[in-house]
């Protein structure tokens, strides 16, 4: 039972790490679009933007309802990254340490 739980926690940690990178890539891409370095009229950029938006919108929407409106500055990605940091580095690593101690 413990190896299965450990494997599931490691898979969850990996998925959260991938989500962290997706959010960082989307933030950088939004800056590049905002400063006219890349254009959303480009087919590849448009497809990438749509894909990233479809992945992150279900995560951002509940947090956007809670956070105050800051105008054109969207702080939602920062809030999500903080939540992911806490989940990965405190919750999951703590559970993995407890499982390691329990198996000894």
Protein backbone atom coordinates (compact mmCIF):
# COMPACT_ATOMS: atom_id res chain seq x y z
CA UNK A 1 0.00 0.00 0.00
CA UNK A 2 2.80 2.43 0.88
CA UNK A 3 4.67 2.01 -2.46
CA UNK A 4 1.43 2.64 -4.35
CA UNK A 5 0.71 5.80 -2.36
CA UNK A 6 4.29 6.97 -2.83
CA UNK A 7 4.03 6.42 -6.58
CA UNK A 8 0.73 8.35 -6.74
CA UNK A 9 2.23 11.26 -4.80
CA UNK A 10 5.24 11.32 -7.13
CA UNK A 11 2.95 11.34 -10.17
CA UNK A 12 0.94 14.20 -8.63
CA UNK A 13 4.17 16.09 -7.90
CA UNK A 14 5.30 15.62 -11.51
CA UNK A 15 1.93 16.81 -12.85
CA UNK A 16 2.08 19.91 -10.63
CA UNK A 17 5.63 20.60 -11.86
CA UNK A 18 4.42 20.44 -15.48
CA UNK A 19 1.54 22.77 -14.63
CA UNK A 20 4.01 25.19 -13.04
CA UNK A 21 6.03 25.31 -16.26
CA UNK A 22 2.88 25.76 -18.35
CA UNK A 23 1.91 28.80 -16.26
CA UNK A 24 5.42 30.26 -16.54
CA UNK A 25 5.45 29.74 -20.32
CA UNK A 26 2.03 31.36 -20.62
CA UNK A 27 3.15 34.36 -18.57
CA UNK A 28 6.27 34.85 -20.70
CA UNK A 29 4.22 34.46 -23.86
CA UNK A 30 1.71 37.06 -22.65
CA UNK A 31 4.58 39.51 -22.07
CA UNK A 32 5.94 38.83 -25.56
CA UNK A 33 2.49 39.43 -27.06
CA UNK A 34 1.99 42.52 -24.92
CA UNK A 35 5.26 44.07 -26.05
CA UNK A 36 4.63 43.13 -29.71
CA UNK A 37 7.61 40.78 -29.89
CA UNK A 38 5.36 38.04 -31.23
CA UNK A 39 2.00 38.38 -32.91
CA UNK A 40 -1.12 36.41 -32.11
CA UNK A 41 -1.93 36.54 -35.82
CA UNK A 42 0.86 34.01 -36.36
CA UNK A 43 -0.72 30.56 -36.72
CA UNK A 44 1.70 28.81 -34.35
CA UNK A 45 1.45 31.53 -31.70
CA UNK A 46 -2.33 31.52 -31.94
CA UNK A 47 -2.51 27.73 -31.55
CA UNK A 48 -0.09 27.79 -28.62
CA UNK A 49 -2.00 30.64 -26.96
CA UNK A 50 -5.32 28.77 -27.33
CA UNK A 51 -3.86 25.54 -25.95
CA UNK A 52 -2.31 27.26 -22.94
CA UNK A 53 -5.53 29.17 -22.28
CA UNK A 54 -7.60 25.98 -22.36
CA UNK A 55 -5.25 24.34 -19.88
CA UNK A 56 -5.06 27.23 -17.42
CA UNK A 57 -8.55 28.77 -17.60
CA UNK A 58 -10.20 26.13 -15.36
CA UNK A 59 -7.49 26.77 -12.77
CA UNK A 60 -7.57 30.57 -13.02
CA UNK A 61 -11.35 31.13 -13.02
CA UNK A 62 -12.08 30.13 -9.38
CA UNK A 63 -9.12 32.18 -8.16
CA UNK A 64 -10.13 35.20 -10.25
CA UNK A 65 -13.51 35.17 -8.48
CA UNK A 66 -11.77 35.41 -5.11
CA UNK A 67 -9.02 37.92 -5.93
CA UNK A 68 -9.73 41.64 -6.11
CA UNK A 69 -9.74 43.32 -9.51
CA UNK A 70 -6.34 44.89 -10.18
CA UNK A 71 -7.20 46.33 -13.58
CA UNK A 72 -4.96 45.35 -16.46
CA UNK A 73 -2.45 43.62 -14.14
CA UNK A 74 -3.49 39.99 -13.69
CA UNK A 75 -2.04 38.55 -10.49
CA UNK A 76 -3.83 35.21 -10.85
CA UNK A 77 -0.80 33.34 -12.26
CA UNK A 78 1.30 34.48 -9.30
CA UNK A 79 -1.37 33.28 -6.86
CA UNK A 80 -1.60 29.93 -8.64
CA UNK A 81 2.20 29.56 -8.63
CA UNK A 82 2.25 30.24 -4.88
CA UNK A 83 -0.43 27.61 -4.31
CA UNK A 84 1.49 25.11 -6.45
CA UNK A 85 4.68 25.90 -4.55
CA UNK A 86 2.98 25.19 -1.23
CA UNK A 87 1.42 21.98 -2.55
CA UNK A 88 4.66 20.66 -4.03
CA UNK A 89 7.22 21.76 -1.47
CA UNK A 90 5.29 21.51 1.77
CA UNK A 91 2.34 19.16 1.41
CA UNK A 92 3.60 16.53 -1.04
CA UNK A 93 7.20 16.51 0.20
CA UNK A 94 5.94 16.26 3.79
CA UNK A 95 3.72 13.32 2.92
CA UNK A 96 6.57 11.62 1.05
CA UNK A 97 8.84 12.06 4.10
CA UNK A 98 6.18 10.58 6.38
CA UNK A 99 5.83 7.62 4.04
CA UNK A 100 9.60 7.14 4.01
CA UNK A 101 9.68 7.22 7.82
CA UNK A 102 6.73 4.81 8.03
CA UNK A 103 8.40 2.27 5.77
CA UNK A 104 11.51 2.15 7.98
